[in-house]
Amino acid sequence: MSMNEEKTEFRPLIVAFCCNWCSYAGADLAGSSRLSYPADVKIIRVPCSGRVNPMFILRAFERGADGVIICGCHPGDCHYSTGNYYARRRMTLLFSMLDYMGVENGRTRVEWCSAAEGVKFSNTMNEFCEKVKSLGKSVRLGDIRCKD
């Protein structure tokens, strides 16, 4: 290693799909309460966790995400009645497919977080980032056309 090359610590890129009504509000509460979670968590606000298409997760991994988390309302509290039940069922199938494709199980997660749970949101993001960091960089679904 030459003197110009510095060894930098791996910081995983995390994509978080957060439901507008609960999880996004929980993230907002975490921020306004000055609770910290890594800046490498990129939040995408969706109307409902049931709106998250499995292709969104595949595309996130293709574009360089090291981990993807879907956050929604607690079961029974969905503002669209059953959206989170559909999300849970859909993600269970997707995660088993990703496991079959060789993507480690710890790189994906579904979590329920209400608007009043800013502490839980912060703790969940910190814990998930540490888990993904321990797994290392994701290289399974990366777009090979974009490599140097």
C-alpha atoms as a PDB file:
ATOM      1  CA  MET A   1       0.000   0.000   0.000  1.00  0.00           C
ATOM      2  CA  SER A   2       1.446   3.343  -1.006  1.00  0.00           C
ATOM      3  CA  MET A   3       1.417   6.450   1.165  1.00  0.00           C
ATOM      4  CA  ASN A   4      -1.374   8.002  -0.916  1.00  0.00           C
ATOM      5  CA  GLU A   5      -3.725   5.131  -0.195  1.00  0.00           C
ATOM      6  CA  GLU A   6      -5.467   5.482   3.126  1.00  0.00           C
ATOM      7  CA  LYS A   7      -7.265   2.588   4.727  1.00  0.00           C
ATOM      8  CA  THR A   8     -10.812   3.780   5.265  1.00  0.00           C
ATOM      9  CA  GLU A   9     -13.361   2.096   7.473  1.00  0.00           C
ATOM     10  CA  PHE A  10     -16.208   0.382   5.634  1.00  0.00           C
ATOM     11  CA  ARG A  11     -19.465   2.300   6.046  1.00  0.00           C
ATOM     12  CA  PRO A  12     -22.449   0.390   4.664  1.00  0.00           C
ATOM     13  CA  LEU A  13     -25.033   2.124   2.523  1.00  0.00           C
ATOM     14  CA  ILE A  14     -28.463   1.327   3.945  1.00  0.00           C
ATOM     15  CA  VAL A  15     -31.741   2.035   2.145  1.00  0.00           C
ATOM     16  CA  ALA A  16     -34.749   2.339   4.475  1.00  0.00           C
ATOM     17  CA  PHE A  17     -38.262   2.278   3.017  1.00  0.00           C
ATOM     18  CA  CYS A  18     -40.394   3.989   5.685  1.00  0.00           C
ATOM     19  CA  CYS A  19     -44.167   4.235   5.762  1.00  0.00           C
ATOM     20  CA  ASN A  20     -45.383   7.830   5.797  1.00  0.00           C
ATOM     21  CA  TRP A  21     -47.718   7.464   8.759  1.00  0.00           C
ATOM     22  CA  CYS A  22     -45.634   5.653  11.363  1.00  0.00           C
ATOM     23  CA  SER A  23     -42.010   4.862  10.583  1.00  0.00           C
ATOM     24  CA  TYR A  24     -41.210   8.119   8.797  1.00  0.00           C
ATOM     25  CA  ALA A  25     -42.759  10.010  11.703  1.00  0.00           C
ATOM     26  CA  GLY A  26     -40.662   7.836  14.057  1.00  0.00           C
ATOM     27  CA  ALA A  27     -37.553   8.836  12.108  1.00  0.00           C
ATOM     28  CA  ASP A  28     -38.611  12.461  12.389  1.00  0.00           C
ATOM     29  CA  LEU A  29     -39.095  12.067  16.144  1.00  0.00           C
ATOM     30  CA  ALA A  30     -35.650  10.467  16.439  1.00  0.00           C
ATOM     31  CA  GLY A  31     -34.152  13.450  14.629  1.00  0.00           C
ATOM     32  CA  SER A  32     -35.999  16.074  16.640  1.00  0.00           C
ATOM     33  CA  SER A  33     -35.080  14.234  19.876  1.00  0.00           C
ATOM     34  CA  ARG A  34     -31.418  14.334  18.778  1.00  0.00           C
ATOM     35  CA  LEU A  35     -31.137  10.547  18.778  1.00  0.00           C
ATOM     36  CA  SER A  36     -28.363   9.462  16.478  1.00  0.00           C
ATOM     37  CA  TYR A  37     -28.354   6.878  13.729  1.00  0.00           C
ATOM     38  CA  PRO A  38     -25.825   6.584  10.891  1.00  0.00           C
ATOM     39  CA  ALA A  39     -25.922   9.170   8.139  1.00  0.00           C
ATOM     40  CA  ASP A  40     -25.451   6.318   5.657  1.00  0.00           C
ATOM     41  CA  VAL A  41     -29.119   5.363   6.145  1.00  0.00           C
ATOM     42  CA  LYS A  42     -30.992   6.772   3.162  1.00  0.00           C
ATOM     43  CA  ILE A  43     -34.711   7.021   3.946  1.00  0.00           C
ATOM     44  CA  ILE A  44     -37.278   6.679   1.183  1.00  0.00           C
ATOM     45  CA  ARG A  45     -40.764   7.687   2.271  1.00  0.00           C
ATOM     46  CA  VAL A  46     -43.554   5.506   0.897  1.00  0.00           C
ATOM     47  CA  PRO A  47     -47.315   5.861   1.537  1.00  0.00           C
ATOM     48  CA  CYS A  48     -47.453   2.392   3.107  1.00  0.00           C
ATOM     49  CA  SER A  49     -45.060  -0.520   3.615  1.00  0.00           C
ATOM     50  CA  GLY A  50     -47.465  -2.500   1.422  1.00  0.00           C
ATOM     51  CA  ARG A  51     -46.506  -0.179  -1.438  1.00  0.00           C
ATOM     52  CA  VAL A  52     -42.893  -1.442  -1.461  1.00  0.00           C
ATOM     53  CA  ASN A  53     -42.496  -3.535  -4.574  1.00  0.00           C
ATOM     54  CA  PRO A  54     -39.884  -6.332  -4.376  1.00  0.00           C
ATOM     55  CA  MET A  55     -38.278  -4.777  -7.448  1.00  0.00           C
ATOM     56  CA  PHE A  56     -37.455  -1.709  -5.307  1.00  0.00           C
ATOM     57  CA  ILE A  57     -35.306  -3.894  -3.049  1.00  0.00           C
ATOM     58  CA  LEU A  58     -33.609  -5.638  -5.970  1.00  0.00           C
ATOM     59  CA  ARG A  59     -32.937  -2.269  -7.607  1.00  0.00           C
ATOM     60  CA  ALA A  60     -31.469  -0.889  -4.370  1.00  0.00           C
ATOM     61  CA  PHE A  61     -29.008  -3.792  -4.195  1.00  0.00           C
ATOM     62  CA  GLU A  62     -28.221  -3.395  -7.888  1.00  0.00           C
ATOM     63  CA  ARG A  63     -27.457   0.296  -7.357  1.00  0.00           C
ATOM     64  CA  GLY A  64     -24.993  -0.385  -4.538  1.00  0.00           C
ATOM     65  CA  ALA A  65     -26.973  -0.728  -1.300  1.00  0.00           C
ATOM     66  CA  ASP A  66     -25.346  -2.982   1.274  1.00  0.00           C
ATOM     67  CA  GLY A  67     -28.584  -3.457   3.231  1.00  0.00           C
ATOM     68  CA  VAL A  68     -32.291  -2.729   2.856  1.00  0.00           C
ATOM     69  CA  ILE A  69     -34.814  -2.329   5.672  1.00  0.00           C
ATOM     70  CA  ILE A  70     -38.575  -1.908   5.338  1.00  0.00           C
ATOM     71  CA  CYS A  71     -40.254  -0.084   8.230  1.00  0.00           C
ATOM     72  CA  GLY A  72     -44.013   0.068   8.620  1.00  0.00           C
ATOM     73  CA  CYS A  73     -46.870   0.428  11.067  1.00  0.00           C
ATOM     74  CA  HIS A  74     -47.379  -2.237  13.695  1.00  0.00           C
ATOM     75  CA  PRO A  75     -49.709  -5.065  12.581  1.00  0.00           C
ATOM     76  CA  GLY A  76     -53.272  -3.965  13.170  1.00  0.00           C
ATOM     77  CA  ASP A  77     -52.365  -0.252  13.105  1.00  0.00           C
ATOM     78  CA  CYS A  78     -51.891   0.215   9.352  1.00  0.00           C
ATOM     79  CA  HIS A  79     -53.596   3.347   8.030  1.00  0.00           C
ATOM     80  CA  TYR A  80     -54.559   1.351   4.940  1.00  0.00           C
ATOM     81  CA  SER A  81     -55.991  -1.542   7.007  1.00  0.00           C
ATOM     82  CA  THR A  82     -53.908  -4.469   5.750  1.00  0.00           C
ATOM     83  CA  GLY A  83     -50.960  -2.966   3.857  1.00  0.00           C
ATOM     84  CA  ASN A  84     -48.355  -4.143   6.346  1.00  0.00           C
ATOM     85  CA  TYR A  85     -49.700  -7.717   6.232  1.00  0.00           C
ATOM     86  CA  TYR A  86     -49.193  -7.757   2.463  1.00  0.00           C
ATOM     87  CA  ALA A  87     -45.712  -6.266   2.916  1.00  0.00           C
ATOM     88  CA  ARG A  88     -44.737  -8.916   5.464  1.00  0.00           C
ATOM     89  CA  ARG A  89     -45.933 -11.752   3.223  1.00  0.00           C
ATOM     90  CA  ARG A  90     -44.280 -10.288   0.114  1.00  0.00           C
ATOM     91  CA  MET A  91     -40.962  -9.648   1.877  1.00  0.00           C
ATOM     92  CA  THR A  92     -40.868 -13.155   3.369  1.00  0.00           C
ATOM     93  CA  LEU A  93     -41.003 -14.569  -0.151  1.00  0.00           C
ATOM     94  CA  LEU A  94     -38.462 -12.069  -1.476  1.00  0.00           C
ATOM     95  CA  PHE A  95     -36.013 -12.699   1.360  1.00  0.00           C
ATOM     96  CA  SER A  96     -36.114 -16.452   0.747  1.00  0.00           C
ATOM     97  CA  MET A  97     -35.435 -15.795  -2.945  1.00  0.00           C
ATOM     98  CA  LEU A  98     -32.506 -13.494  -2.063  1.00  0.00           C
ATOM     99  CA  ASP A  99     -31.144 -16.192   0.244  1.00  0.00           C
ATOM    100  CA  TYR A 100     -31.335 -18.654  -2.657  1.00  0.00           C
ATOM    101  CA  MET A 101     -29.445 -16.133  -4.840  1.00  0.00           C
ATOM    102  CA  GLY A 102     -26.666 -15.887  -2.252  1.00  0.00           C
ATOM    103  CA  VAL A 103     -27.538 -12.589  -0.569  1.00  0.00           C
ATOM    104  CA  GLU A 104     -26.944 -12.998   3.166  1.00  0.00           C
ATOM    105  CA  ASN A 105     -30.025 -13.098   5.369  1.00  0.00           C
ATOM    106  CA  GLY A 106     -28.825 -10.193   7.539  1.00  0.00           C
ATOM    107  CA  ARG A 107     -28.818  -7.684   4.671  1.00  0.00           C
ATOM    108  CA  THR A 108     -32.611  -7.364   4.658  1.00  0.00           C
ATOM    109  CA  ARG A 109     -35.081  -6.718   7.445  1.00  0.00           C
ATOM    110  CA  VAL A 110     -38.693  -5.780   8.117  1.00  0.00           C
ATOM    111  CA  GLU A 111     -39.394  -3.781  11.262  1.00  0.00           C
ATOM    112  CA  TRP A 112     -42.569  -2.276  12.734  1.00  0.00           C
ATOM    113  CA  CYS A 113     -42.088   1.173  14.264  1.00  0.00           C
ATOM    114  CA  SER A 114     -44.807   3.626  15.290  1.00  0.00           C
ATOM    115  CA  ALA A 115     -44.678   7.411  15.167  1.00  0.00           C
ATOM    116  CA  ALA A 116     -44.056   7.557  18.928  1.00  0.00           C
ATOM    117  CA  GLU A 117     -41.082   5.170  18.829  1.00  0.00           C
ATOM    118  CA  GLY A 118     -38.193   7.447  17.903  1.00  0.00           C
ATOM    119  CA  VAL A 119     -35.868   5.602  20.289  1.00  0.00           C
ATOM    120  CA  LYS A 120     -36.795   2.262  18.721  1.00  0.00           C
ATOM    121  CA  PHE A 121     -36.198   3.681  15.229  1.00  0.00           C
ATOM    122  CA  SER A 122     -32.743   4.956  16.194  1.00  0.00           C
ATOM    123  CA  ASN A 123     -31.787   1.710  17.950  1.00  0.00           C
ATOM    124  CA  THR A 124     -33.061  -0.385  15.027  1.00  0.00           C
ATOM    125  CA  MET A 125     -31.046   1.594  12.471  1.00  0.00           C
ATOM    126  CA  ASN A 126     -27.879   1.462  14.580  1.00  0.00           C
ATOM    127  CA  GLU A 127     -28.268  -2.282  15.141  1.00  0.00           C
ATOM    128  CA  PHE A 128     -29.029  -2.967  11.473  1.00  0.00           C
ATOM    129  CA  CYS A 129     -26.027  -0.898  10.315  1.00  0.00           C
ATOM    130  CA  GLU A 130     -23.734  -2.834  12.656  1.00  0.00           C
ATOM    131  CA  LYS A 131     -25.092  -6.139  11.353  1.00  0.00           C
ATOM    132  CA  VAL A 132     -24.569  -5.118   7.718  1.00  0.00           C
ATOM    133  CA  LYS A 133     -21.139  -3.693   8.551  1.00  0.00           C
ATOM    134  CA  SER A 134     -20.120  -7.081   9.979  1.00  0.00           C
ATOM    135  CA  LEU A 135     -21.216  -8.749   6.715  1.00  0.00           C
ATOM    136  CA  GLY A 136     -19.063  -6.436   4.603  1.00  0.00           C
ATOM    137  CA  LYS A 137     -19.725  -4.931   1.197  1.00  0.00           C
ATOM    138  CA  SER A 138     -22.544  -6.430  -0.837  1.00  0.00           C
ATOM    139  CA  VAL A 139     -21.344  -7.662  -4.206  1.00  0.00           C
ATOM    140  CA  ARG A 140     -23.934 -10.273  -5.179  1.00  0.00           C
ATOM    141  CA  LEU A 141     -26.466  -8.158  -7.076  1.00  0.00           C
ATOM    142  CA  GLY A 142     -24.307  -5.257  -8.191  1.00  0.00           C
ATOM    143  CA  ASP A 143     -24.619  -4.135 -11.774  1.00  0.00           C
ATOM    144  CA  ILE A 144     -21.462  -5.457 -13.450  1.00  0.00           C
ATOM    145  CA  ARG A 145     -21.785  -2.886 -16.249  1.00  0.00           C
ATOM    146  CA  CYS A 146     -20.889  -0.122 -13.776  1.00  0.00           C
ATOM    147  CA  LYS A 147     -17.626  -1.654 -12.591  1.00  0.00           C
ATOM    148  CA  ASP A 148     -14.299  -0.010 -13.363  1.00  0.00           C
END
